[in-house]
Amino acid sequence: GTTGLDLFGRNRDVVAMRIAGTLLDLQREIQDGDVVEP
């Protein structure tokens, strides 16, 4: 249930994340095995 906000929310310089080449909102949940890029 961890989201992008849990990972990067303290850093206002991060506005979204990229998983498997797809841009996603930080509120989206991260799945097992995901490679996450701020």
PDB file of all heavy atoms in Angstrom:
ATOM      1  N   GLY A   1       0.795  -1.224   0.000  1.00  0.00           N
ATOM      2  CA  GLY A   1       0.000   0.000   0.000  1.00  0.00           C
ATOM      3  C   GLY A   1       0.822   1.265   0.000  1.00  0.00           C
ATOM      4  O   GLY A   1       0.271   2.376  -0.009  1.00  0.00           O
ATOM      5  N   THR A   2       2.151   1.126  -0.008  1.00  0.00           N
ATOM      6  CA  THR A   2       3.023   2.308  -0.058  1.00  0.00           C
ATOM      7  C   THR A   2       2.789   3.068  -1.362  1.00  0.00           C
ATOM      8  O   THR A   2       2.678   2.469  -2.441  1.00  0.00           O
ATOM      9  CB  THR A   2       4.501   1.890   0.051  1.00  0.00           C
ATOM     10  OG1 THR A   2       4.730   1.344   1.346  1.00  0.00           O
ATOM     11  CG2 THR A   2       5.427   3.081  -0.165  1.00  0.00           C
ATOM     12  N   THR A   3       2.722   4.373  -1.264  1.00  0.00           N
ATOM     13  CA  THR A   3       2.513   5.229  -2.440  1.00  0.00           C
ATOM     14  C   THR A   3       3.779   6.028  -2.750  1.00  0.00           C
ATOM     15  O   THR A   3       4.733   6.055  -1.956  1.00  0.00           O
ATOM     16  CB  THR A   3       1.364   6.221  -2.198  1.00  0.00           C
ATOM     17  OG1 THR A   3       1.765   7.158  -1.176  1.00  0.00           O
ATOM     18  CG2 THR A   3       0.094   5.509  -1.776  1.00  0.00           C
ATOM     19  N   GLY A   4       3.731   6.698  -3.871  1.00  0.00           N
ATOM     20  CA  GLY A   4       4.832   7.582  -4.230  1.00  0.00           C
ATOM     21  C   GLY A   4       5.006   8.703  -3.222  1.00  0.00           C
ATOM     22  O   GLY A   4       6.131   9.145  -2.950  1.00  0.00           O
ATOM     23  N   LEU A   5       3.901   9.159  -2.628  1.00  0.00           N
ATOM     24  CA  LEU A   5       3.994  10.210  -1.607  1.00  0.00           C
ATOM     25  C   LEU A   5       4.732   9.705  -0.371  1.00  0.00           C
ATOM     26  O   LEU A   5       5.470  10.470   0.281  1.00  0.00           O
ATOM     27  CB  LEU A   5       2.598  10.701  -1.228  1.00  0.00           C
ATOM     28  CG  LEU A   5       2.002  11.807  -2.109  1.00  0.00           C
ATOM     29  CD1 LEU A   5       0.576  12.116  -1.671  1.00  0.00           C
ATOM     30  CD2 LEU A   5       2.868  13.059  -2.064  1.00  0.00           C
ATOM     31  N   ASP A   6       4.538   8.435  -0.035  1.00  0.00           N
ATOM     32  CA  ASP A   6       5.266   7.879   1.101  1.00  0.00           C
ATOM     33  C   ASP A   6       6.766   7.894   0.848  1.00  0.00           C
ATOM     34  O   ASP A   6       7.563   8.096   1.771  1.00  0.00           O
ATOM     35  CB  ASP A   6       4.799   6.447   1.379  1.00  0.00           C
ATOM     36  CG  ASP A   6       3.345   6.374   1.818  1.00  0.00           C
ATOM     37  OD1 ASP A   6       2.904   7.310   2.519  1.00  0.00           O
ATOM     38  OD2 ASP A   6       2.667   5.400   1.454  1.00  0.00           O
ATOM     39  N   LEU A   7       7.150   7.680  -0.405  1.00  0.00           N
ATOM     40  CA  LEU A   7       8.575   7.647  -0.744  1.00  0.00           C
ATOM     41  C   LEU A   7       9.172   9.038  -0.913  1.00  0.00           C
ATOM     42  O   LEU A   7      10.281   9.320  -0.445  1.00  0.00           O
ATOM     43  CB  LEU A   7       8.788   6.851  -2.046  1.00  0.00           C
ATOM     44  CG  LEU A   7       8.575   5.344  -2.018  1.00  0.00           C
ATOM     45  CD1 LEU A   7       8.783   4.777  -3.405  1.00  0.00           C
ATOM     46  CD2 LEU A   7       9.521   4.679  -1.023  1.00  0.00           C
ATOM     47  N   PHE A   8       8.431   9.922  -1.611  1.00  0.00           N
ATOM     48  CA  PHE A   8       9.026  11.197  -2.031  1.00  0.00           C
ATOM     49  C   PHE A   8       8.296  12.433  -1.500  1.00  0.00           C
ATOM     50  O   PHE A   8       8.679  13.559  -1.820  1.00  0.00           O
ATOM     51  CB  PHE A   8       9.018  11.275  -3.575  1.00  0.00           C
ATOM     52  CG  PHE A   8       9.580  10.078  -4.261  1.00  0.00           C
ATOM     53  CD1 PHE A   8       8.779   9.271  -5.068  1.00  0.00           C
ATOM     54  CD2 PHE A   8      10.920   9.724  -4.111  1.00  0.00           C
ATOM     55  CE1 PHE A   8       9.289   8.167  -5.719  1.00  0.00           C
ATOM     56  CE2 PHE A   8      11.438   8.617  -4.757  1.00  0.00           C
ATOM     57  CZ  PHE A   8      10.629   7.835  -5.561  1.00  0.00           C
ATOM     58  N   GLY A   9       7.256  12.241  -0.686  1.00  0.00           N
ATOM     59  CA  GLY A   9       6.396  13.353  -0.314  1.00  0.00           C
ATOM     60  C   GLY A   9       7.075  14.454   0.464  1.00  0.00           C
ATOM     61  O   GLY A   9       6.596  15.598   0.476  1.00  0.00           O
ATOM     62  N   ARG A  10       8.192  14.164   1.122  1.00  0.00           N
ATOM     63  CA  ARG A  10       8.888  15.200   1.882  1.00  0.00           C
ATOM     64  C   ARG A  10       9.692  16.142   0.978  1.00  0.00           C
ATOM     65  O   ARG A  10      10.162  17.174   1.440  1.00  0.00           O
ATOM     66  CB  ARG A  10       9.823  14.551   2.902  1.00  0.00           C
ATOM     67  CG  ARG A  10       9.091  13.801   4.005  1.00  0.00           C
ATOM     68  CD  ARG A  10      10.077  13.247   5.005  1.00  0.00           C
ATOM     69  NE  ARG A  10       9.383  12.520   6.089  1.00  0.00           N
ATOM     70  CZ  ARG A  10      10.019  11.936   7.104  1.00  0.00           C
ATOM     71  NH1 ARG A  10      11.350  11.992   7.179  1.00  0.00           N
ATOM     72  NH2 ARG A  10       9.328  11.296   8.032  1.00  0.00           N
ATOM     73  N   ASN A  11       9.844  15.752  -0.274  1.00  0.00           N
ATOM     74  CA  ASN A  11      10.644  16.547  -1.214  1.00  0.00           C
ATOM     75  C   ASN A  11       9.718  17.194  -2.236  1.00  0.00           C
ATOM     76  O   ASN A  11       9.233  16.531  -3.148  1.00  0.00           O
ATOM     77  CB  ASN A  11      11.671  15.645  -1.914  1.00  0.00           C
ATOM     78  CG  ASN A  11      12.602  16.432  -2.827  1.00  0.00           C
ATOM     79  OD1 ASN A  11      12.463  17.652  -2.987  1.00  0.00           O
ATOM     80  ND2 ASN A  11      13.547  15.743  -3.435  1.00  0.00           N
ATOM     81  N   ARG A  12       9.461  18.481  -2.082  1.00  0.00           N
ATOM     82  CA  ARG A  12       8.550  19.176  -3.000  1.00  0.00           C
ATOM     83  C   ARG A  12       9.103  19.276  -4.416  1.00  0.00           C
ATOM     84  O   ARG A  12       8.387  19.652  -5.341  1.00  0.00           O
ATOM     85  CB  ARG A  12       8.267  20.587  -2.470  1.00  0.00           C
ATOM     86  CG  ARG A  12       7.224  20.616  -1.360  1.00  0.00           C
ATOM     87  CD  ARG A  12       5.819  20.477  -1.973  1.00  0.00           C
ATOM     88  NE  ARG A  12       4.794  20.433  -0.944  1.00  0.00           N
ATOM     89  CZ  ARG A  12       4.235  21.510  -0.421  1.00  0.00           C
ATOM     90  NH1 ARG A  12       4.613  22.709  -0.820  1.00  0.00           N
ATOM     91  NH2 ARG A  12       3.319  21.384   0.507  1.00  0.00           N
ATOM     92  N   ASP A  13      10.384  18.967  -4.592  1.00  0.00           N
ATOM     93  CA  ASP A  13      10.969  18.993  -5.937  1.00  0.00           C
ATOM     94  C   ASP A  13      10.522  17.798  -6.772  1.00  0.00           C
ATOM     95  O   ASP A  13      10.714  17.783  -7.985  1.00  0.00           O
ATOM     96  CB  ASP A  13      12.499  19.007  -5.867  1.00  0.00           C
ATOM     97  CG  ASP A  13      13.035  20.300  -5.278  1.00  0.00           C
ATOM     98  OD1 ASP A  13      12.330  21.322  -5.390  1.00  0.00           O
ATOM     99  OD2 ASP A  13      14.140  20.286  -4.706  1.00  0.00           O
ATOM    100  N   VAL A  14       9.923  16.774  -6.128  1.00  0.00           N
ATOM    101  CA  VAL A  14       9.426  15.593  -6.840  1.00  0.00           C
ATOM    102  C   VAL A  14       7.922  15.757  -7.024  1.00  0.00           C
ATOM    103  O   VAL A  14       7.179  15.884  -6.050  1.00  0.00           O
ATOM    104  CB  VAL A  14       9.728  14.299  -6.062  1.00  0.00           C
ATOM    105  CG1 VAL A  14       9.155  13.092  -6.802  1.00  0.00           C
ATOM    106  CG2 VAL A  14      11.229  14.134  -5.863  1.00  0.00           C
ATOM    107  N   VAL A  15       7.470  15.767  -8.284  1.00  0.00           N
ATOM    108  CA  VAL A  15       6.054  16.038  -8.565  1.00  0.00           C
ATOM    109  C   VAL A  15       5.295  14.813  -9.061  1.00  0.00           C
ATOM    110  O   VAL A  15       4.067  14.824  -9.109  1.00  0.00           O
ATOM    111  CB  VAL A  15       5.913  17.184  -9.597  1.00  0.00           C
ATOM    112  CG1 VAL A  15       6.456  18.486  -9.022  1.00  0.00           C
ATOM    113  CG2 VAL A  15       6.612  16.840 -10.914  1.00  0.00           C
ATOM    114  N   ALA A  16       5.997  13.765  -9.446  1.00  0.00           N
ATOM    115  CA  ALA A  16       5.350  12.545  -9.953  1.00  0.00           C
ATOM    116  C   ALA A  16       6.388  11.434  -9.912  1.00  0.00           C
ATOM    117  O   ALA A  16       7.511  11.620  -9.432  1.00  0.00           O
ATOM    118  CB  ALA A  16       4.818  12.761 -11.370  1.00  0.00           C
ATOM    119  N   MET A  17       6.025  10.270 -10.432  1.00  0.00           N
ATOM    120  CA  MET A  17       6.976   9.161 -10.501  1.00  0.00           C
ATOM    121  C   MET A  17       6.800   8.429 -11.826  1.00  0.00           C
ATOM    122  O   MET A  17       5.762   8.547 -12.492  1.00  0.00           O
ATOM    123  CB  MET A  17       6.787   8.207  -9.319  1.00  0.00           C
ATOM    124  CG  MET A  17       5.406   7.573  -9.238  1.00  0.00           C
ATOM    125  SD  MET A  17       5.234   6.538  -7.751  1.00  0.00           S
ATOM    126  CE  MET A  17       3.501   6.097  -7.834  1.00  0.00           C
ATOM    127  N   ARG A  18       7.824   7.698 -12.189  1.00  0.00           N
ATOM    128  CA  ARG A  18       7.783   6.902 -13.421  1.00  0.00           C
ATOM    129  C   ARG A  18       8.000   5.445 -13.048  1.00  0.00           C
ATOM    130  O   ARG A  18       8.983   5.104 -12.391  1.00  0.00           O
ATOM    131  CB  ARG A  18       8.846   7.374 -14.407  1.00  0.00           C
ATOM    132  CG  ARG A  18       8.816   6.609 -15.731  1.00  0.00           C
ATOM    133  CD  ARG A  18       9.899   7.072 -16.683  1.00  0.00           C
ATOM    134  NE  ARG A  18       9.611   8.392 -17.238  1.00  0.00           N
ATOM    135  CZ  ARG A  18      10.193   9.526 -16.851  1.00  0.00           C
ATOM    136  NH1 ARG A  18      11.092   9.491 -15.882  1.00  0.00           N
ATOM    137  NH2 ARG A  18       9.881  10.681 -17.407  1.00  0.00           N
ATOM    138  N   ILE A  19       7.064   4.600 -13.487  1.00  0.00           N
ATOM    139  CA  ILE A  19       7.174   3.155 -13.272  1.00  0.00           C
ATOM    140  C   ILE A  19       6.988   2.470 -14.616  1.00  0.00           C
ATOM    141  O   ILE A  19       5.985   2.696 -15.299  1.00  0.00           O
ATOM    142  CB  ILE A  19       6.119   2.650 -12.264  1.00  0.00           C
ATOM    143  CG1 ILE A  19       6.329   3.298 -10.891  1.00  0.00           C
ATOM    144  CG2 ILE A  19       6.177   1.125 -12.148  1.00  0.00           C
ATOM    145  CD1 ILE A  19       5.293   2.893  -9.855  1.00  0.00           C
ATOM    146  N   ALA A  20       7.958   1.664 -15.005  1.00  0.00           N
ATOM    147  CA  ALA A  20       7.906   0.939 -16.286  1.00  0.00           C
ATOM    148  C   ALA A  20       7.667   1.899 -17.450  1.00  0.00           C
ATOM    149  O   ALA A  20       6.892   1.600 -18.365  1.00  0.00           O
ATOM    150  CB  ALA A  20       6.836  -0.148 -16.249  1.00  0.00           C
ATOM    151  N   GLY A  21       8.303   3.055 -17.388  1.00  0.00           N
ATOM    152  CA  GLY A  21       8.204   4.027 -18.476  1.00  0.00           C
ATOM    153  C   GLY A  21       6.946   4.863 -18.462  1.00  0.00           C
ATOM    154  O   GLY A  21       6.769   5.711 -19.344  1.00  0.00           O
ATOM    155  N   THR A  22       6.061   4.662 -17.493  1.00  0.00           N
ATOM    156  CA  THR A  22       4.787   5.370 -17.442  1.00  0.00           C
ATOM    157  C   THR A  22       4.802   6.406 -16.319  1.00  0.00           C
ATOM    158  O   THR A  22       5.207   6.111 -15.192  1.00  0.00           O
ATOM    159  CB  THR A  22       3.630   4.380 -17.218  1.00  0.00           C
ATOM    160  OG1 THR A  22       3.601   3.442 -18.296  1.00  0.00           O
ATOM    161  CG2 THR A  22       2.294   5.113 -17.158  1.00  0.00           C
ATOM    162  N   LEU A  23       4.352   7.613 -16.630  1.00  0.00           N
ATOM    163  CA  LEU A  23       4.255   8.667 -15.628  1.00  0.00           C
ATOM    164  C   LEU A  23       3.002   8.459 -14.794  1.00  0.00           C
ATOM    165  O   LEU A  23       1.907   8.262 -15.338  1.00  0.00           O
ATOM    166  CB  LEU A  23       4.203  10.035 -16.304  1.00  0.00           C
ATOM    167  CG  LEU A  23       5.449  10.455 -17.086  1.00  0.00           C
ATOM    168  CD1 LEU A  23       5.186  11.761 -17.826  1.00  0.00           C
ATOM    169  CD2 LEU A  23       6.637  10.602 -16.160  1.00  0.00           C
ATOM    170  N   LEU A  24       3.153   8.518 -13.480  1.00  0.00           N
ATOM    171  CA  LEU A  24       2.042   8.267 -12.566  1.00  0.00           C
ATOM    172  C   LEU A  24       2.002   9.329 -11.470  1.00  0.00           C
ATOM    173  O   LEU A  24       3.032   9.898 -11.094  1.00  0.00           O
ATOM    174  CB  LEU A  24       2.170   6.891 -11.916  1.00  0.00           C
ATOM    175  CG  LEU A  24       2.147   5.667 -12.840  1.00  0.00           C
ATOM    176  CD1 LEU A  24       2.459   4.412 -12.048  1.00  0.00           C
ATOM    177  CD2 LEU A  24       0.798   5.542 -13.537  1.00  0.00           C
ATOM    178  N   ASP A  25       0.797   9.566 -10.942  1.00  0.00           N
ATOM    179  CA  ASP A  25       0.649  10.434  -9.780  1.00  0.00           C
ATOM    180  C   ASP A  25       1.359   9.817  -8.580  1.00  0.00           C
ATOM    181  O   ASP A  25       1.426   8.587  -8.431  1.00  0.00           O
ATOM    182  CB  ASP A  25      -0.831  10.596  -9.419  1.00  0.00           C
ATOM    183  CG  ASP A  25      -1.667  11.110 -10.572  1.00  0.00           C
ATOM    184  OD1 ASP A  25      -1.436  12.250 -10.987  1.00  0.00           O
ATOM    185  OD2 ASP A  25      -2.544  10.362 -11.043  1.00  0.00           O
ATOM    186  N   LEU A  26       1.833  10.669  -7.671  1.00  0.00           N
ATOM    187  CA  LEU A  26       2.498  10.165  -6.477  1.00  0.00           C
ATOM    188  C   LEU A  26       1.528   9.450  -5.538  1.00  0.00           C
ATOM    189  O   LEU A  26       1.950   8.655  -4.686  1.00  0.00           O
ATOM    190  CB  LEU A  26       3.177  11.316  -5.734  1.00  0.00           C
ATOM    191  CG  LEU A  26       4.440  11.890  -6.405  1.00  0.00           C
ATOM    192  CD1 LEU A  26       4.989  13.056  -5.601  1.00  0.00           C
ATOM    193  CD2 LEU A  26       5.511  10.813  -6.572  1.00  0.00           C
ATOM    194  N   GLN A  27       0.215   9.711  -5.679  1.00  0.00           N
ATOM    195  CA  GLN A  27      -0.756   9.036  -4.809  1.00  0.00           C
ATOM    196  C   GLN A  27      -0.953   7.574  -5.172  1.00  0.00           C
ATOM    197  O   GLN A  27      -1.546   6.812  -4.399  1.00  0.00           O
ATOM    198  CB  GLN A  27      -2.124   9.744  -4.872  1.00  0.00           C
ATOM    199  CG  GLN A  27      -2.111  11.144  -4.290  1.00  0.00           C
ATOM    200  CD  GLN A  27      -1.939  12.181  -5.383  1.00  0.00           C
ATOM    201  OE1 GLN A  27      -1.292  11.911  -6.397  1.00  0.00           O
ATOM    202  NE2 GLN A  27      -2.505  13.358  -5.187  1.00  0.00           N
ATOM    203  N   ARG A  28      -0.471   7.165  -6.340  1.00  0.00           N
ATOM    204  CA  ARG A  28      -0.700   5.782  -6.785  1.00  0.00           C
ATOM    205  C   ARG A  28       0.111   4.805  -5.931  1.00  0.00           C
ATOM    206  O   ARG A  28       1.262   5.083  -5.532  1.00  0.00           O
ATOM    207  CB  ARG A  28      -0.320   5.633  -8.265  1.00  0.00           C
ATOM    208  CG  ARG A  28      -1.105   6.538  -9.205  1.00  0.00           C
ATOM    209  CD  ARG A  28      -2.498   6.016  -9.475  1.00  0.00           C
ATOM    210  NE  ARG A  28      -2.464   4.865 -10.353  1.00  0.00           N
ATOM    211  CZ  ARG A  28      -2.483   4.944 -11.691  1.00  0.00           C
ATOM    212  NH1 ARG A  28      -2.532   6.136 -12.290  1.00  0.00           N
ATOM    213  NH2 ARG A  28      -2.474   3.860 -12.423  1.00  0.00           N
ATOM    214  N   GLU A  29      -0.474   3.629  -5.682  1.00  0.00           N
ATOM    215  CA  GLU A  29       0.216   2.599  -4.909  1.00  0.00           C
ATOM    216  C   GLU A  29       1.296   1.924  -5.751  1.00  0.00           C
ATOM    217  O   GLU A  29       1.147   1.752  -6.960  1.00  0.00           O
ATOM    218  CB  GLU A  29      -0.775   1.552  -4.406  1.00  0.00           C
ATOM    219  CG  GLU A  29      -1.690   2.045  -3.317  1.00  0.00           C
ATOM    220  CD  GLU A  29      -2.520   0.922  -2.717  1.00  0.00           C
ATOM    221  OE1 GLU A  29      -2.252  -0.260  -3.051  1.00  0.00           O
ATOM    222  OE2 GLU A  29      -3.427   1.210  -1.930  1.00  0.00           O
ATOM    223  N   ILE A  30       2.361   1.545  -5.089  1.00  0.00           N
ATOM    224  CA  ILE A  30       3.478   0.863  -5.740  1.00  0.00           C
ATOM    225  C   ILE A  30       3.321  -0.638  -5.514  1.00  0.00           C
ATOM    226  O   ILE A  30       2.962  -1.084  -4.414  1.00  0.00           O
ATOM    227  CB  ILE A  30       4.813   1.380  -5.164  1.00  0.00           C
ATOM    228  CG1 ILE A  30       4.928   2.889  -5.418  1.00  0.00           C
ATOM    229  CG2 ILE A  30       5.989   0.655  -5.788  1.00  0.00           C
ATOM    230  CD1 ILE A  30       6.063   3.538  -4.661  1.00  0.00           C
ATOM    231  N   GLN A  31       3.603  -1.405  -6.578  1.00  0.00           N
ATOM    232  CA  GLN A  31       3.410  -2.854  -6.522  1.00  0.00           C
ATOM    233  C   GLN A  31       4.744  -3.574  -6.317  1.00  0.00           C
ATOM    234  O   GLN A  31       5.829  -3.024  -6.581  1.00  0.00           O
ATOM    235  CB  GLN A  31       2.741  -3.343  -7.812  1.00  0.00           C
ATOM    236  CG  GLN A  31       1.431  -2.632  -8.130  1.00  0.00           C
ATOM    237  CD  GLN A  31       0.389  -2.795  -7.049  1.00  0.00           C
ATOM    238  OE1 GLN A  31       0.187  -3.906  -6.535  1.00  0.00           O
ATOM    239  NE2 GLN A  31      -0.273  -1.696  -6.681  1.00  0.00           N
ATOM    240  N   ASP A  32       4.646  -4.783  -5.882  1.00  0.00           N
ATOM    241  CA  ASP A  32       5.838  -5.598  -5.652  1.00  0.00           C
ATOM    242  C   ASP A  32       6.651  -5.727  -6.943  1.00  0.00           C
ATOM    243  O   ASP A  32       6.109  -6.033  -8.008  1.00  0.00           O
ATOM    244  CB  ASP A  32       5.420  -6.981  -5.151  1.00  0.00           C
ATOM    245  CG  ASP A  32       6.612  -7.825  -4.728  1.00  0.00           C
ATOM    246  OD1 ASP A  32       7.537  -7.276  -4.097  1.00  0.00           O
ATOM    247  OD2 ASP A  32       6.617  -9.031  -5.051  1.00  0.00           O
ATOM    248  N   GLY A  33       7.951  -5.484  -6.847  1.00  0.00           N
ATOM    249  CA  GLY A  33       8.841  -5.606  -7.993  1.00  0.00           C
ATOM    250  C   GLY A  33       8.957  -4.356  -8.846  1.00  0.00           C
ATOM    251  O   GLY A  33       9.747  -4.331  -9.803  1.00  0.00           O
ATOM    252  N   ASP A  34       8.204  -3.316  -8.530  1.00  0.00           N
ATOM    253  CA  ASP A  34       8.257  -2.085  -9.333  1.00  0.00           C
ATOM    254  C   ASP A  34       9.621  -1.407  -9.223  1.00  0.00           C
ATOM    255  O   ASP A  34      10.261  -1.409  -8.154  1.00  0.00           O
ATOM    256  CB  ASP A  34       7.180  -1.083  -8.884  1.00  0.00           C
ATOM    257  CG  ASP A  34       5.810  -1.409  -9.462  1.00  0.00           C
ATOM    258  OD1 ASP A  34       5.740  -2.245 -10.382  1.00  0.00           O
ATOM    259  OD2 ASP A  34       4.816  -0.823  -8.988  1.00  0.00           O
ATOM    260  N   VAL A  35      10.041  -0.826 -10.346  1.00  0.00           N
ATOM    261  CA  VAL A  35      11.217   0.048 -10.378  1.00  0.00           C
ATOM    262  C   VAL A  35      10.695   1.473 -10.469  1.00  0.00           C
ATOM    263  O   VAL A  35      10.047   1.844 -11.449  1.00  0.00           O
ATOM    264  CB  VAL A  35      12.135  -0.270 -11.572  1.00  0.00           C
ATOM    265  CG1 VAL A  35      13.320   0.695 -11.604  1.00  0.00           C
ATOM    266  CG2 VAL A  35      12.626  -1.708 -11.483  1.00  0.00           C
ATOM    267  N   VAL A  36      10.949   2.267  -9.449  1.00  0.00           N
ATOM    268  CA  VAL A  36      10.329   3.577  -9.297  1.00  0.00           C
ATOM    269  C   VAL A  36      11.377   4.668  -9.465  1.00  0.00           C
ATOM    270  O   VAL A  36      12.442   4.613  -8.836  1.00  0.00           O
ATOM    271  CB  VAL A  36       9.657   3.719  -7.915  1.00  0.00           C
ATOM    272  CG1 VAL A  36       8.880   5.026  -7.835  1.00  0.00           C
ATOM    273  CG2 VAL A  36       8.756   2.526  -7.632  1.00  0.00           C
ATOM    274  N   GLU A  37      11.038   5.645 -10.296  1.00  0.00           N
ATOM    275  CA  GLU A  37      11.952   6.773 -10.514  1.00  0.00           C
ATOM    276  C   GLU A  37      11.214   8.075 -10.227  1.00  0.00           C
ATOM    277  O   GLU A  37      10.136   8.312 -10.772  1.00  0.00           O
ATOM    278  CB  GLU A  37      12.466   6.776 -11.957  1.00  0.00           C
ATOM    279  CG  GLU A  37      13.456   7.885 -12.251  1.00  0.00           C
ATOM    280  CD  GLU A  37      13.951   7.844 -13.689  1.00  0.00           C
ATOM    281  OE1 GLU A  37      13.480   6.970 -14.453  1.00  0.00           O
ATOM    282  OE2 GLU A  37      14.794   8.690 -14.049  1.00  0.00           O
ATOM    283  N   PRO A  38      11.749   8.942  -9.356  1.00  0.00           N
ATOM    284  CA  PRO A  38      11.093  10.225  -9.096  1.00  0.00           C
ATOM    285  C   PRO A  38      11.192  11.143 -10.302  1.00  0.00           C
ATOM    286  O   PRO A  38      12.195  11.138 -11.022  1.00  0.00           O
ATOM    287  CB  PRO A  38      11.871  10.785  -7.905  1.00  0.00           C
ATOM    288  CG  PRO A  38      13.226  10.156  -8.008  1.00  0.00           C
ATOM    289  CD  PRO A  38      12.994   8.783  -8.576  1.00  0.00           C
TER     290      PRO A  38
END
